[in-house]
Amino acid sequence: MSARAKATLAASFAFSTFIIWAVHYQQSREREDMFQGVIRDDARRLEKMRQREEEFRASSRKREIYEQVQTVISDD
């Protein structure tokens, strides 16, 4: 095998190795990015639940105050 053929083989081997490494690196970065997205979604969901619970408590307090001030008639 000539020196030129050996150099071409070595270059193609190096290039192929680099491409394989780059693809695996990109996949691991994408996987990490997707996982961070899940964490952000969970944080947003928990914050939304907290806000809804606080709004429910405020609504309950208002209802108690209104029921003390106003007469409530049941439709039973």
C-alpha atoms as a PDB file:
ATOM      1  CA  MET A   1       0.000   0.000   0.000  1.00  0.00           C
ATOM      2  CA  SER A   2       1.392   3.375  -0.947  1.00  0.00           C
ATOM      3  CA  ALA A   3       1.989   6.228   1.472  1.00  0.00           C
ATOM      4  CA  ARG A   4      -0.723   8.242  -0.224  1.00  0.00           C
ATOM      5  CA  ALA A   5      -3.254   5.410   0.264  1.00  0.00           C
ATOM      6  CA  LYS A   6      -2.229   5.053   3.928  1.00  0.00           C
ATOM      7  CA  ALA A   7      -2.651   8.798   4.469  1.00  0.00           C
ATOM      8  CA  THR A   8      -6.095   8.719   2.835  1.00  0.00           C
ATOM      9  CA  LEU A   9      -7.116   5.721   4.960  1.00  0.00           C
ATOM     10  CA  ALA A  10      -5.877   7.410   8.140  1.00  0.00           C
ATOM     11  CA  ALA A  11      -7.639  10.676   7.253  1.00  0.00           C
ATOM     12  CA  SER A  12     -10.929   8.910   6.492  1.00  0.00           C
ATOM     13  CA  PHE A  13     -10.632   6.922   9.735  1.00  0.00           C
ATOM     14  CA  ALA A  14      -9.994  10.121  11.718  1.00  0.00           C
ATOM     15  CA  PHE A  15     -12.842  11.932   9.979  1.00  0.00           C
ATOM     16  CA  SER A  16     -15.256   9.032  10.602  1.00  0.00           C
ATOM     17  CA  THR A  17     -14.231   8.852  14.252  1.00  0.00           C
ATOM     18  CA  PHE A  18     -14.796  12.588  14.635  1.00  0.00           C
ATOM     19  CA  ILE A  19     -18.239  12.374  13.007  1.00  0.00           C
ATOM     20  CA  ILE A  20     -19.292   9.507  15.291  1.00  0.00           C
ATOM     21  CA  TRP A  21     -18.065  11.403  18.366  1.00  0.00           C
ATOM     22  CA  ALA A  22     -19.844  14.582  17.244  1.00  0.00           C
ATOM     23  CA  VAL A  23     -23.159  12.757  16.745  1.00  0.00           C
ATOM     24  CA  HIS A  24     -22.958  11.129  20.190  1.00  0.00           C
ATOM     25  CA  TYR A  25     -22.044  14.458  21.777  1.00  0.00           C
ATOM     26  CA  GLN A  26     -24.975  16.177  20.051  1.00  0.00           C
ATOM     27  CA  GLN A  27     -27.362  13.444  21.207  1.00  0.00           C
ATOM     28  CA  SER A  28     -26.214  13.741  24.804  1.00  0.00           C
ATOM     29  CA  ARG A  29     -26.620  17.550  24.700  1.00  0.00           C
ATOM     30  CA  GLU A  30     -30.124  17.227  23.241  1.00  0.00           C
ATOM     31  CA  ARG A  31     -31.045  14.671  25.901  1.00  0.00           C
ATOM     32  CA  GLU A  32     -29.820  17.045  28.629  1.00  0.00           C
ATOM     33  CA  ASP A  33     -31.733  19.968  27.083  1.00  0.00           C
ATOM     34  CA  MET A  34     -34.933  17.909  26.955  1.00  0.00           C
ATOM     35  CA  PHE A  35     -34.471  16.897  30.598  1.00  0.00           C
ATOM     36  CA  GLN A  36     -34.029  20.550  31.606  1.00  0.00           C
ATOM     37  CA  GLY A  37     -37.280  21.285  29.765  1.00  0.00           C
ATOM     38  CA  VAL A  38     -39.070  18.669  31.886  1.00  0.00           C
ATOM     39  CA  ILE A  39     -37.672  20.251  35.043  1.00  0.00           C
ATOM     40  CA  ARG A  40     -38.843  23.715  33.923  1.00  0.00           C
ATOM     41  CA  ASP A  41     -42.301  22.316  33.084  1.00  0.00           C
ATOM     42  CA  ASP A  42     -42.571  20.747  36.544  1.00  0.00           C
ATOM     43  CA  ALA A  43     -41.581  24.036  38.185  1.00  0.00           C
ATOM     44  CA  ARG A  44     -44.181  25.939  36.132  1.00  0.00           C
ATOM     45  CA  ARG A  45     -46.841  23.359  36.975  1.00  0.00           C
ATOM     46  CA  LEU A  46     -46.090  23.564  40.695  1.00  0.00           C
ATOM     47  CA  GLU A  47     -46.156  27.371  40.603  1.00  0.00           C
ATOM     48  CA  LYS A  48     -49.494  27.318  38.779  1.00  0.00           C
ATOM     49  CA  MET A  49     -50.921  24.908  41.356  1.00  0.00           C
ATOM     50  CA  ARG A  50     -49.672  27.166  44.160  1.00  0.00           C
ATOM     51  CA  GLN A  51     -51.290  30.211  42.560  1.00  0.00           C
ATOM     52  CA  ARG A  52     -54.597  28.386  42.077  1.00  0.00           C
ATOM     53  CA  GLU A  53     -54.554  27.219  45.684  1.00  0.00           C
ATOM     54  CA  GLU A  54     -53.918  30.770  46.874  1.00  0.00           C
ATOM     55  CA  GLU A  55     -56.755  32.060  44.673  1.00  0.00           C
ATOM     56  CA  PHE A  56     -59.042  29.364  46.089  1.00  0.00           C
ATOM     57  CA  ARG A  57     -58.153  30.381  49.655  1.00  0.00           C
ATOM     58  CA  ALA A  58     -58.785  34.043  48.848  1.00  0.00           C
ATOM     59  CA  SER A  59     -62.119  33.128  47.267  1.00  0.00           C
ATOM     60  CA  SER A  60     -63.068  31.075  50.326  1.00  0.00           C
ATOM     61  CA  ARG A  61     -62.208  33.977  52.641  1.00  0.00           C
ATOM     62  CA  LYS A  62     -64.308  36.349  50.530  1.00  0.00           C
ATOM     63  CA  ARG A  63     -67.207  33.912  50.558  1.00  0.00           C
ATOM     64  CA  GLU A  64     -67.061  33.627  54.344  1.00  0.00           C
ATOM     65  CA  ILE A  65     -67.089  37.412  54.666  1.00  0.00           C
ATOM     66  CA  TYR A  66     -69.990  37.752  52.211  1.00  0.00           C
ATOM     67  CA  GLU A  67     -71.968  35.044  54.014  1.00  0.00           C
ATOM     68  CA  GLN A  68     -71.508  36.879  57.310  1.00  0.00           C
ATOM     69  CA  VAL A  69     -72.686  40.162  55.803  1.00  0.00           C
ATOM     70  CA  GLN A  70     -75.396  38.919  53.451  1.00  0.00           C
ATOM     71  CA  THR A  71     -78.282  36.533  53.934  1.00  0.00           C
ATOM     72  CA  VAL A  72     -77.849  33.313  51.981  1.00  0.00           C
ATOM     73  CA  ILE A  73     -81.000  31.536  50.832  1.00  0.00           C
ATOM     74  CA  SER A  74     -80.775  27.870  49.830  1.00  0.00           C
ATOM     75  CA  ASP A  75     -82.678  26.569  46.836  1.00  0.00           C
ATOM     76  CA  ASP A  76     -83.418  23.188  48.485  1.00  0.00           C
END
